[in-house]
Amino acid sequence: EDYKKLIENKADLSKNQLGRLQIHYLYTRSFFQDIPLPNNQKSYDYYLGQAQEYWLNRSIYEQGLIGLALHRILPKSPVSEQIQLSLADNAIMDEEMGMYWKNNQAGYYWYQAPIETQALMIELFETEGNKKLVEELKIWLLKQKQTQAWSNTKATASACYALLMSGNNDL
């Protein structure tokens, strides 16, 4: 429907038309690639191209969603690797706190959830098998539980999944 509205309104399709819902759709759709797209292949391809081109303008959570979606949909695409390299370059590495991002702070919106964002980053960095960075990301997650609390059940479930999915046996 969003793509149809762009066409109807004669929007400039070469500009950034990527929104949060389209990013979430691509991420969700990446789990169900075996199900064919009946009537929206053109819009799907358009937003997939938008994600590859305009990922740098998004929050770190959205960059993580795009990176995971591209890794699943286009395994040979260099964009997922570029996203990981960019995220790693912008991360803070601390001996005590591990690896984290300064701008990963709680906010009002669903995409401003630091625990869920960190869990997503663990999943993203796991795709390349970088065990050292994954373990550094886990340290920050565990320190948040130690010093504060995981704020809700969604955060707790995301954190537990991220901690148990790979790497060292954190139990």
C-alpha atoms as a PDB file:
ATOM      1  CA  GLU A   1       0.000   0.000   0.000  1.00  0.00           C
ATOM      2  CA  ASP A   2       2.862   2.390   0.798  1.00  0.00           C
ATOM      3  CA  TYR A   3       4.457   1.690  -2.560  1.00  0.00           C
ATOM      4  CA  LYS A   4       1.129   2.176  -4.342  1.00  0.00           C
ATOM      5  CA  LYS A   5       0.728   5.561  -2.620  1.00  0.00           C
ATOM      6  CA  LEU A   6       4.210   6.581  -3.780  1.00  0.00           C
ATOM      7  CA  ILE A   7       3.292   5.663  -7.356  1.00  0.00           C
ATOM      8  CA  GLU A   8      -0.109   7.380  -7.174  1.00  0.00           C
ATOM      9  CA  ASN A   9       1.422  10.565  -5.753  1.00  0.00           C
ATOM     10  CA  LYS A  10       4.200  10.474  -8.350  1.00  0.00           C
ATOM     11  CA  ALA A  11       6.831  10.549  -5.612  1.00  0.00           C
ATOM     12  CA  ASP A  12      10.498  10.609  -6.537  1.00  0.00           C
ATOM     13  CA  LEU A  13      11.388   6.932  -6.184  1.00  0.00           C
ATOM     14  CA  SER A  14      15.096   7.689  -6.350  1.00  0.00           C
ATOM     15  CA  LYS A  15      14.951   9.487  -2.986  1.00  0.00           C
ATOM     16  CA  ASN A  16      14.868   7.901   0.461  1.00  0.00           C
ATOM     17  CA  GLN A  17      11.359   6.509   0.921  1.00  0.00           C
ATOM     18  CA  LEU A  18      12.348   3.879   3.495  1.00  0.00           C
ATOM     19  CA  GLY A  19      10.420   3.961   6.755  1.00  0.00           C
ATOM     20  CA  ARG A  20      10.476   1.961   9.953  1.00  0.00           C
ATOM     21  CA  LEU A  21       7.548  -0.233   8.944  1.00  0.00           C
ATOM     22  CA  GLN A  22       9.187  -1.151   5.650  1.00  0.00           C
ATOM     23  CA  ILE A  23      12.387  -2.094   7.501  1.00  0.00           C
ATOM     24  CA  HIS A  24      10.430  -4.235   9.933  1.00  0.00           C
ATOM     25  CA  TYR A  25       8.552  -5.832   7.041  1.00  0.00           C
ATOM     26  CA  LEU A  26      11.809  -6.779   5.295  1.00  0.00           C
ATOM     27  CA  TYR A  27      13.158  -8.224   8.539  1.00  0.00           C
ATOM     28  CA  THR A  28       9.974 -10.222   9.176  1.00  0.00           C
ATOM     29  CA  ARG A  29       9.744 -11.336   5.558  1.00  0.00           C
ATOM     30  CA  SER A  30      13.322 -12.651   5.729  1.00  0.00           C
ATOM     31  CA  PHE A  31      12.038 -15.476   7.957  1.00  0.00           C
ATOM     32  CA  PHE A  32       9.522 -16.625   5.318  1.00  0.00           C
ATOM     33  CA  GLN A  33      11.388 -16.686   2.030  1.00  0.00           C
ATOM     34  CA  ASP A  34       9.872 -20.030   1.062  1.00  0.00           C
ATOM     35  CA  ILE A  35       6.446 -18.364   0.770  1.00  0.00           C
ATOM     36  CA  PRO A  36       6.086 -16.650  -2.631  1.00  0.00           C
ATOM     37  CA  LEU A  37       5.119 -13.001  -2.966  1.00  0.00           C
ATOM     38  CA  PRO A  38       1.855 -13.043  -4.921  1.00  0.00           C
ATOM     39  CA  ASN A  39       1.300  -9.444  -6.019  1.00  0.00           C
ATOM     40  CA  ASN A  40       3.911  -7.252  -4.400  1.00  0.00           C
ATOM     41  CA  GLN A  41       7.268  -8.402  -5.779  1.00  0.00           C
ATOM     42  CA  LYS A  42       7.894  -4.981  -7.329  1.00  0.00           C
ATOM     43  CA  SER A  43       7.317  -3.108  -4.049  1.00  0.00           C
ATOM     44  CA  TYR A  44       9.349  -5.712  -2.143  1.00  0.00           C
ATOM     45  CA  ASP A  45      12.286  -5.291  -4.539  1.00  0.00           C
ATOM     46  CA  TYR A  46      11.977  -1.510  -4.323  1.00  0.00           C
ATOM     47  CA  TYR A  47      12.168  -1.413  -0.522  1.00  0.00           C
ATOM     48  CA  LEU A  48      14.935  -4.017  -0.514  1.00  0.00           C
ATOM     49  CA  GLY A  49      16.930  -1.681  -2.775  1.00  0.00           C
ATOM     50  CA  GLN A  50      16.070   1.275  -0.545  1.00  0.00           C
ATOM     51  CA  ALA A  51      17.340  -0.633   2.503  1.00  0.00           C
ATOM     52  CA  GLN A  52      20.627  -1.386   0.749  1.00  0.00           C
ATOM     53  CA  GLU A  53      21.085   2.228  -0.250  1.00  0.00           C
ATOM     54  CA  TYR A  54      19.845   4.197   2.778  1.00  0.00           C
ATOM     55  CA  TRP A  55      20.765   1.990   5.766  1.00  0.00           C
ATOM     56  CA  LEU A  56      23.319   4.501   7.018  1.00  0.00           C
ATOM     57  CA  ASN A  57      20.572   7.051   7.802  1.00  0.00           C
ATOM     58  CA  ARG A  58      18.841   4.718  10.258  1.00  0.00           C
ATOM     59  CA  SER A  59      19.178   4.082  14.010  1.00  0.00           C
ATOM     60  CA  ILE A  60      21.472   1.281  15.161  1.00  0.00           C
ATOM     61  CA  TYR A  61      18.441  -0.927  15.871  1.00  0.00           C
ATOM     62  CA  GLU A  62      17.125  -0.403  12.356  1.00  0.00           C
ATOM     63  CA  GLN A  63      20.592  -0.980  10.905  1.00  0.00           C
ATOM     64  CA  GLY A  64      20.639  -4.291  12.776  1.00  0.00           C
ATOM     65  CA  LEU A  65      17.248  -5.250  11.341  1.00  0.00           C
ATOM     66  CA  ILE A  66      18.412  -4.349   7.824  1.00  0.00           C
ATOM     67  CA  GLY A  67      21.696  -6.232   8.286  1.00  0.00           C
ATOM     68  CA  LEU A  68      19.933  -9.407   9.418  1.00  0.00           C
ATOM     69  CA  ALA A  69      17.304  -9.169   6.693  1.00  0.00           C
ATOM     70  CA  LEU A  70      19.912  -8.691   3.980  1.00  0.00           C
ATOM     71  CA  HIS A  71      22.022 -11.522   5.374  1.00  0.00           C
ATOM     72  CA  ARG A  72      19.054 -13.879   5.063  1.00  0.00           C
ATOM     73  CA  ILE A  73      17.599 -12.580   1.786  1.00  0.00           C
ATOM     74  CA  LEU A  74      20.828 -11.819  -0.111  1.00  0.00           C
ATOM     75  CA  PRO A  75      23.580 -13.869   1.588  1.00  0.00           C
ATOM     76  CA  LYS A  76      26.250 -12.682  -0.859  1.00  0.00           C
ATOM     77  CA  SER A  77      25.359  -8.995  -0.507  1.00  0.00           C
ATOM     78  CA  PRO A  78      28.255  -6.929   0.853  1.00  0.00           C
ATOM     79  CA  VAL A  79      25.841  -4.475   2.511  1.00  0.00           C
ATOM     80  CA  SER A  80      25.264  -6.697   5.557  1.00  0.00           C
ATOM     81  CA  GLU A  81      29.027  -6.826   6.105  1.00  0.00           C
ATOM     82  CA  GLN A  82      29.278  -3.050   5.605  1.00  0.00           C
ATOM     83  CA  ILE A  83      26.606  -2.531   8.243  1.00  0.00           C
ATOM     84  CA  GLN A  84      28.513  -4.713  10.697  1.00  0.00           C
ATOM     85  CA  LEU A  85      31.779  -2.928   9.998  1.00  0.00           C
ATOM     86  CA  SER A  86      30.135   0.464  10.462  1.00  0.00           C
ATOM     87  CA  LEU A  87      28.476  -0.607  13.697  1.00  0.00           C
ATOM     88  CA  ALA A  88      31.734  -2.049  15.029  1.00  0.00           C
ATOM     89  CA  ASP A  89      33.588   1.154  14.113  1.00  0.00           C
ATOM     90  CA  ASN A  90      31.051   3.285  15.981  1.00  0.00           C
ATOM     91  CA  ALA A  91      30.909   1.060  19.055  1.00  0.00           C
ATOM     92  CA  ILE A  92      32.657   1.717  22.330  1.00  0.00           C
ATOM     93  CA  MET A  93      34.931  -1.059  23.603  1.00  0.00           C
ATOM     94  CA  ASP A  94      35.460  -1.053  27.352  1.00  0.00           C
ATOM     95  CA  GLU A  95      37.273  -3.720  29.337  1.00  0.00           C
ATOM     96  CA  GLU A  96      34.663  -3.712  32.096  1.00  0.00           C
ATOM     97  CA  MET A  97      31.496  -2.956  30.106  1.00  0.00           C
ATOM     98  CA  GLY A  98      32.254  -4.799  26.876  1.00  0.00           C
ATOM     99  CA  MET A  99      31.080  -3.488  23.499  1.00  0.00           C
ATOM    100  CA  TYR A 100      28.165  -1.053  23.313  1.00  0.00           C
ATOM    101  CA  TRP A 101      26.957   2.107  21.610  1.00  0.00           C
ATOM    102  CA  LYS A 102      26.766   5.485  23.285  1.00  0.00           C
ATOM    103  CA  ASN A 103      23.527   6.368  21.498  1.00  0.00           C
ATOM    104  CA  ASN A 104      21.820   3.086  22.497  1.00  0.00           C
ATOM    105  CA  GLN A 105      19.625   4.669  25.141  1.00  0.00           C
ATOM    106  CA  ALA A 106      16.061   4.121  26.217  1.00  0.00           C
ATOM    107  CA  GLY A 107      13.461   6.283  24.592  1.00  0.00           C
ATOM    108  CA  TYR A 108       9.753   6.529  24.065  1.00  0.00           C
ATOM    109  CA  TYR A 109       9.502   4.523  20.839  1.00  0.00           C
ATOM    110  CA  TRP A 110       9.691   0.766  20.238  1.00  0.00           C
ATOM    111  CA  TYR A 111      12.944   1.097  18.306  1.00  0.00           C
ATOM    112  CA  GLN A 112      14.649   2.858  21.238  1.00  0.00           C
ATOM    113  CA  ALA A 113      15.000  -0.161  23.522  1.00  0.00           C
ATOM    114  CA  PRO A 114      18.641  -0.675  24.564  1.00  0.00           C
ATOM    115  CA  ILE A 115      18.397  -4.295  25.758  1.00  0.00           C
ATOM    116  CA  GLU A 116      16.523  -5.444  22.649  1.00  0.00           C
ATOM    117  CA  THR A 117      18.952  -3.472  20.477  1.00  0.00           C
ATOM    118  CA  GLN A 118      21.964  -5.116  22.109  1.00  0.00           C
ATOM    119  CA  ALA A 119      20.369  -8.555  21.726  1.00  0.00           C
ATOM    120  CA  LEU A 120      19.751  -7.829  18.053  1.00  0.00           C
ATOM    121  CA  MET A 121      23.381  -6.765  17.629  1.00  0.00           C
ATOM    122  CA  ILE A 122      24.519 -10.074  19.120  1.00  0.00           C
ATOM    123  CA  GLU A 123      22.387 -11.901  16.571  1.00  0.00           C
ATOM    124  CA  LEU A 124      23.753  -9.741  13.744  1.00  0.00           C
ATOM    125  CA  PHE A 125      27.405 -10.164  14.665  1.00  0.00           C
ATOM    126  CA  GLU A 126      26.865 -13.882  15.131  1.00  0.00           C
ATOM    127  CA  THR A 127      26.078 -14.181  11.399  1.00  0.00           C
ATOM    128  CA  GLU A 128      29.735 -13.566  10.577  1.00  0.00           C
ATOM    129  CA  GLY A 129      30.926 -15.817  13.381  1.00  0.00           C
ATOM    130  CA  ASN A 130      32.922 -13.091  15.116  1.00  0.00           C
ATOM    131  CA  LYS A 131      32.965 -14.773  18.526  1.00  0.00           C
ATOM    132  CA  LYS A 132      35.192 -12.147  20.162  1.00  0.00           C
ATOM    133  CA  LEU A 133      32.791  -9.284  19.365  1.00  0.00           C
ATOM    134  CA  VAL A 134      29.771 -11.394  20.300  1.00  0.00           C
ATOM    135  CA  GLU A 135      31.281 -12.107  23.722  1.00  0.00           C
ATOM    136  CA  GLU A 136      32.026  -8.378  24.168  1.00  0.00           C
ATOM    137  CA  LEU A 137      28.407  -7.553  23.309  1.00  0.00           C
ATOM    138  CA  LYS A 138      27.198 -10.105  25.854  1.00  0.00           C
ATOM    139  CA  ILE A 139      29.256  -8.471  28.615  1.00  0.00           C
ATOM    140  CA  TRP A 140      27.321  -5.202  28.247  1.00  0.00           C
ATOM    141  CA  LEU A 141      24.032  -7.090  28.292  1.00  0.00           C
ATOM    142  CA  LEU A 142      24.954  -8.935  31.489  1.00  0.00           C
ATOM    143  CA  LYS A 143      26.244  -5.735  33.118  1.00  0.00           C
ATOM    144  CA  GLN A 144      22.855  -4.108  32.507  1.00  0.00           C
ATOM    145  CA  LYS A 145      21.171  -6.947  34.355  1.00  0.00           C
ATOM    146  CA  GLN A 146      23.740  -6.746  37.150  1.00  0.00           C
ATOM    147  CA  THR A 147      23.564  -2.982  37.683  1.00  0.00           C
ATOM    148  CA  GLN A 148      19.948  -2.191  36.764  1.00  0.00           C
ATOM    149  CA  ALA A 149      17.344  -4.547  35.391  1.00  0.00           C
ATOM    150  CA  TRP A 150      16.028  -5.707  32.076  1.00  0.00           C
ATOM    151  CA  SER A 151      13.030  -3.426  31.881  1.00  0.00           C
ATOM    152  CA  ASN A 152      10.280  -5.783  30.722  1.00  0.00           C
ATOM    153  CA  THR A 153       9.465  -9.311  29.583  1.00  0.00           C
ATOM    154  CA  LYS A 154      10.318  -8.555  25.952  1.00  0.00           C
ATOM    155  CA  ALA A 155      13.742  -7.282  26.962  1.00  0.00           C
ATOM    156  CA  THR A 156      14.309 -10.307  29.192  1.00  0.00           C
ATOM    157  CA  ALA A 157      13.283 -12.767  26.478  1.00  0.00           C
ATOM    158  CA  SER A 158      15.468 -11.008  23.883  1.00  0.00           C
ATOM    159  CA  ALA A 159      18.442 -10.942  26.230  1.00  0.00           C
ATOM    160  CA  CYS A 160      18.093 -14.601  27.231  1.00  0.00           C
ATOM    161  CA  TYR A 161      17.814 -15.652  23.597  1.00  0.00           C
ATOM    162  CA  ALA A 162      20.892 -13.633  22.647  1.00  0.00           C
ATOM    163  CA  LEU A 163      22.922 -14.994  25.551  1.00  0.00           C
ATOM    164  CA  LEU A 164      22.022 -18.610  24.912  1.00  0.00           C
ATOM    165  CA  MET A 165      22.042 -18.747  21.116  1.00  0.00           C
ATOM    166  CA  SER A 166      25.794 -19.067  20.717  1.00  0.00           C
ATOM    167  CA  GLY A 167      29.255 -18.527  22.062  1.00  0.00           C
ATOM    168  CA  ASN A 168      30.371 -19.544  25.512  1.00  0.00           C
ATOM    169  CA  ASN A 169      28.042 -21.434  27.809  1.00  0.00           C
ATOM    170  CA  ASP A 170      26.791 -18.470  29.834  1.00  0.00           C
ATOM    171  CA  LEU A 171      24.637 -20.624  32.104  1.00  0.00           C
END
